[in-house]
């Protein structure tokens, strides 16, 4: 997700296309894991790409969670 990406409008568009389907998504649902052997066989650029994708997935899941979380009332 880039800084210029309009998360709210994009989510609304997605929801309108998929209004009959809503399910919680966790980081574990989108995480990609590899074995130590697979990791050591990756080139530095591949490791960097992996890191970037995992961070992007984390940001996306955190954003979606922020839309569904309800702040506690302060008295």
Protein backbone atom coordinates (compact mmCIF):
# COMPACT_ATOMS: atom_id res chain seq x y z
CA UNK A 1 0.00 0.00 0.00
CA UNK A 2 1.48 3.30 -0.98
CA UNK A 3 1.11 6.60 0.81
CA UNK A 4 -1.17 7.88 -1.98
CA UNK A 5 -3.43 4.81 -1.78
CA UNK A 6 -6.91 5.73 -0.57
CA UNK A 7 -7.62 2.89 1.84
CA UNK A 8 -11.14 3.98 2.70
CA UNK A 9 -12.37 4.33 -0.90
CA UNK A 10 -10.66 1.12 -1.93
CA UNK A 11 -12.22 -0.83 0.94
CA UNK A 12 -15.65 0.60 0.15
CA UNK A 13 -15.28 -0.48 -3.49
CA UNK A 14 -14.22 -3.96 -2.43
CA UNK A 15 -17.09 -4.24 0.05
CA UNK A 16 -19.64 -3.20 -2.56
CA UNK A 17 -18.37 -5.93 -4.91
CA UNK A 18 -18.18 -8.52 -2.13
CA UNK A 19 -20.99 -7.50 0.20
CA UNK A 20 -22.19 -11.07 0.72
CA UNK A 21 -18.74 -12.25 1.83
CA UNK A 22 -17.11 -11.04 5.01
CA UNK A 23 -14.63 -13.00 7.05
CA UNK A 24 -11.90 -11.98 9.44
CA UNK A 25 -8.40 -12.10 8.05
CA UNK A 26 -5.39 -12.61 10.27
CA UNK A 27 -1.73 -12.17 9.53
CA UNK A 28 -1.37 -15.95 9.69
CA UNK A 29 -3.84 -16.20 6.78
CA UNK A 30 -1.57 -14.18 4.50
CA UNK A 31 1.88 -14.95 5.89
CA UNK A 32 4.28 -16.98 3.79
CA UNK A 33 6.85 -19.03 5.65
CA UNK A 34 9.90 -20.82 4.37
CA UNK A 35 12.29 -23.33 5.85
CA UNK A 36 15.79 -22.38 6.92
CA UNK A 37 17.11 -24.24 3.87
CA UNK A 38 14.80 -22.28 1.56
CA UNK A 39 15.77 -19.00 3.27
CA UNK A 40 19.51 -19.61 2.90
CA UNK A 41 19.05 -20.41 -0.78
CA UNK A 42 17.44 -17.03 -1.49
CA UNK A 43 19.47 -14.25 -3.07
CA UNK A 44 19.69 -10.94 -1.14
CA UNK A 45 17.19 -9.33 -3.54
CA UNK A 46 14.74 -12.21 -2.97
CA UNK A 47 15.09 -11.84 0.80
CA UNK A 48 14.41 -8.12 0.49
CA UNK A 49 11.33 -8.80 -1.63
CA UNK A 50 10.11 -11.34 0.93
CA UNK A 51 10.57 -8.79 3.72
CA UNK A 52 8.73 -6.11 1.75
CA UNK A 53 5.81 -8.43 0.98
CA UNK A 54 5.52 -9.58 4.59
CA UNK A 55 5.58 -5.96 5.82
CA UNK A 56 2.95 -5.03 3.24
CA UNK A 57 0.76 -7.92 4.37
CA UNK A 58 1.16 -6.85 7.99
CA UNK A 59 0.20 -3.26 7.17
CA UNK A 60 -2.85 -4.41 5.21
CA UNK A 61 -4.07 -6.71 7.98
CA UNK A 62 -3.46 -4.02 10.60
CA UNK A 63 -5.42 -1.53 8.50
CA UNK A 64 -8.35 -3.92 8.13
CA UNK A 65 -8.27 -4.63 11.86
CA UNK A 66 -8.42 -0.90 12.58
CA UNK A 67 -11.67 -0.68 10.62
CA UNK A 68 -13.36 -3.37 12.66
CA UNK A 69 -12.03 -2.58 16.12
CA UNK A 70 -14.28 -0.54 18.34
CA UNK A 71 -12.58 1.90 20.70
CA UNK A 72 -13.53 1.69 24.35
CA UNK A 73 -15.69 4.47 25.67
CA UNK A 74 -13.94 6.91 27.94
CA UNK A 75 -16.09 8.12 30.83
